[in-house]
Amino acid sequence: MMRKIRLDMTNIETVRAMHIYMRYAMDFPAYYGCNLDALHDVLAEIGEETQVTVTGMARTGEEVQRWLPAFRRVIEDAMEENPKLTFVLTED
């Protein structure tokens, strides 16, 4: 059975808040470092079929908007490395 996670980024103002939100919503380990390298590492380690749908990307704060291209690169790399991981990104 596939694990399905929905991340609603609407109104998230800071990159730190986004990392904390992802840590809890995706049940990352306590040692998650709240940075893009750590995000890549935990995504690459996911061992069960997982689909993550990310919504509200167009309605985040300015800081998060600047961070989104790097976030997209990390999740694309993680999906290439981990065939059990799928991300669906939407602007609304």
C-alpha atoms as a PDB file:
ATOM      1  CA  MET A   1       0.000   0.000   0.000  1.00  0.00           C
ATOM      2  CA  MET A   2       1.321   3.412  -0.944  1.00  0.00           C
ATOM      3  CA  ARG A   3       1.826   6.019   1.755  1.00  0.00           C
ATOM      4  CA  LYS A   4       0.289   9.345   0.652  1.00  0.00           C
ATOM      5  CA  ILE A   5       1.329  12.643   2.190  1.00  0.00           C
ATOM      6  CA  ARG A   6      -0.067  16.086   1.408  1.00  0.00           C
ATOM      7  CA  LEU A   7       2.016  19.150   2.178  1.00  0.00           C
ATOM      8  CA  ASP A   8       0.116  22.440   1.982  1.00  0.00           C
ATOM      9  CA  MET A   9       2.696  25.218   1.748  1.00  0.00           C
ATOM     10  CA  THR A  10       0.088  27.997   1.774  1.00  0.00           C
ATOM     11  CA  ASN A  11       1.180  30.876   4.010  1.00  0.00           C
ATOM     12  CA  ILE A  12       4.492  29.331   5.066  1.00  0.00           C
ATOM     13  CA  GLU A  13       6.731  32.358   5.377  1.00  0.00           C
ATOM     14  CA  THR A  14      10.223  31.016   6.136  1.00  0.00           C
ATOM     15  CA  VAL A  15      12.424  28.177   4.981  1.00  0.00           C
ATOM     16  CA  ARG A  16      12.914  27.114   8.605  1.00  0.00           C
ATOM     17  CA  ALA A  17       9.130  26.858   9.074  1.00  0.00           C
ATOM     18  CA  MET A  18       8.927  24.766   5.899  1.00  0.00           C
ATOM     19  CA  HIS A  19      11.574  22.334   7.144  1.00  0.00           C
ATOM     20  CA  ILE A  20       9.855  21.982  10.512  1.00  0.00           C
ATOM     21  CA  TYR A  21       6.506  21.422   8.808  1.00  0.00           C
ATOM     22  CA  MET A  22       7.994  18.740   6.541  1.00  0.00           C
ATOM     23  CA  ARG A  23       9.745  17.069   9.476  1.00  0.00           C
ATOM     24  CA  TYR A  24       6.450  16.499  11.279  1.00  0.00           C
ATOM     25  CA  ALA A  25       4.191  15.917   8.271  1.00  0.00           C
ATOM     26  CA  MET A  26       6.543  13.343   6.767  1.00  0.00           C
ATOM     27  CA  ASP A  27       7.621  11.831  10.077  1.00  0.00           C
ATOM     28  CA  PHE A  28      11.324  12.497   9.512  1.00  0.00           C
ATOM     29  CA  PRO A  29      13.742  11.207  12.159  1.00  0.00           C
ATOM     30  CA  ALA A  30      14.628  13.436  15.109  1.00  0.00           C
ATOM     31  CA  TYR A  31      18.126  13.994  13.703  1.00  0.00           C
ATOM     32  CA  TYR A  32      16.745  15.703  10.550  1.00  0.00           C
ATOM     33  CA  GLY A  33      18.965  18.745  10.061  1.00  0.00           C
ATOM     34  CA  CYS A  34      16.437  21.162   8.508  1.00  0.00           C
ATOM     35  CA  ASN A  35      18.497  21.951   5.408  1.00  0.00           C
ATOM     36  CA  LEU A  36      18.462  20.812   1.791  1.00  0.00           C
ATOM     37  CA  ASP A  37      21.275  18.275   2.217  1.00  0.00           C
ATOM     38  CA  ALA A  38      19.440  16.656   5.120  1.00  0.00           C
ATOM     39  CA  LEU A  39      16.194  16.729   3.123  1.00  0.00           C
ATOM     40  CA  HIS A  40      17.861  14.880   0.264  1.00  0.00           C
ATOM     41  CA  ASP A  41      19.273  12.288   2.660  1.00  0.00           C
ATOM     42  CA  VAL A  42      15.965  11.490   4.373  1.00  0.00           C
ATOM     43  CA  LEU A  43      14.079  11.380   1.069  1.00  0.00           C
ATOM     44  CA  ALA A  44      16.637   9.009  -0.422  1.00  0.00           C
ATOM     45  CA  GLU A  45      16.232   6.715   2.608  1.00  0.00           C
ATOM     46  CA  ILE A  46      12.443   6.314   2.381  1.00  0.00           C
ATOM     47  CA  GLY A  47      11.846   2.588   2.152  1.00  0.00           C
ATOM     48  CA  GLU A  48       8.150   2.349   1.353  1.00  0.00           C
ATOM     49  CA  GLU A  49       6.195   3.492  -1.685  1.00  0.00           C
ATOM     50  CA  THR A  50       5.463   7.150  -0.921  1.00  0.00           C
ATOM     51  CA  GLN A  51       3.668   9.843  -2.878  1.00  0.00           C
ATOM     52  CA  VAL A  52       4.017  13.408  -1.627  1.00  0.00           C
ATOM     53  CA  THR A  53       1.661  16.021  -3.037  1.00  0.00           C
ATOM     54  CA  VAL A  54       2.810  19.589  -2.455  1.00  0.00           C
ATOM     55  CA  THR A  55       0.176  22.306  -2.827  1.00  0.00           C
ATOM     56  CA  GLY A  56       0.111  26.041  -2.252  1.00  0.00           C
ATOM     57  CA  MET A  57       3.568  26.715  -3.649  1.00  0.00           C
ATOM     58  CA  ALA A  58       2.450  29.978  -5.259  1.00  0.00           C
ATOM     59  CA  ARG A  59       1.090  31.239  -1.927  1.00  0.00           C
ATOM     60  CA  THR A  60       4.217  31.036   0.207  1.00  0.00           C
ATOM     61  CA  GLY A  61       6.262  33.869   1.648  1.00  0.00           C
ATOM     62  CA  GLU A  62       8.991  35.653  -0.285  1.00  0.00           C
ATOM     63  CA  GLU A  63      11.807  33.761   1.453  1.00  0.00           C
ATOM     64  CA  VAL A  64      10.260  30.412   0.527  1.00  0.00           C
ATOM     65  CA  GLN A  65       9.683  31.572  -3.062  1.00  0.00           C
ATOM     66  CA  ARG A  66      13.427  32.214  -3.437  1.00  0.00           C
ATOM     67  CA  TRP A  67      14.148  28.740  -1.975  1.00  0.00           C
ATOM     68  CA  LEU A  68      11.713  26.771  -4.181  1.00  0.00           C
ATOM     69  CA  PRO A  69      14.052  26.208  -7.173  1.00  0.00           C
ATOM     70  CA  ALA A  70      16.617  24.545  -4.896  1.00  0.00           C
ATOM     71  CA  PHE A  71      13.837  22.537  -3.218  1.00  0.00           C
ATOM     72  CA  ARG A  72      12.686  21.291  -6.621  1.00  0.00           C
ATOM     73  CA  ARG A  73      16.214  20.226  -7.572  1.00  0.00           C
ATOM     74  CA  VAL A  74      16.572  18.270  -4.324  1.00  0.00           C
ATOM     75  CA  ILE A  75      13.307  16.411  -4.740  1.00  0.00           C
ATOM     76  CA  GLU A  76      14.060  15.657  -8.404  1.00  0.00           C
ATOM     77  CA  ASP A  77      17.454  14.215  -7.407  1.00  0.00           C
ATOM     78  CA  ALA A  78      15.872  12.213  -4.577  1.00  0.00           C
ATOM     79  CA  MET A  79      13.228  10.766  -6.913  1.00  0.00           C
ATOM     80  CA  GLU A  80      15.947   9.713  -9.369  1.00  0.00           C
ATOM     81  CA  GLU A  81      17.808   7.931  -6.571  1.00  0.00           C
ATOM     82  CA  ASN A  82      14.774   6.468  -4.817  1.00  0.00           C
ATOM     83  CA  PRO A  83      12.256   4.718  -7.091  1.00  0.00           C
ATOM     84  CA  LYS A  84       9.835   4.394  -4.155  1.00  0.00           C
ATOM     85  CA  LEU A  85       9.421   8.177  -3.912  1.00  0.00           C
ATOM     86  CA  THR A  86       7.098  10.343  -6.018  1.00  0.00           C
ATOM     87  CA  PHE A  87       6.418  14.049  -5.653  1.00  0.00           C
ATOM     88  CA  VAL A  88       3.493  15.879  -7.258  1.00  0.00           C
ATOM     89  CA  LEU A  89       3.948  19.651  -7.186  1.00  0.00           C
ATOM     90  CA  THR A  90       1.111  22.116  -7.766  1.00  0.00           C
ATOM     91  CA  GLU A  91       1.099  25.873  -7.690  1.00  0.00           C
ATOM     92  CA  ASP A  92      -2.331  26.128  -5.988  1.00  0.00           C
END
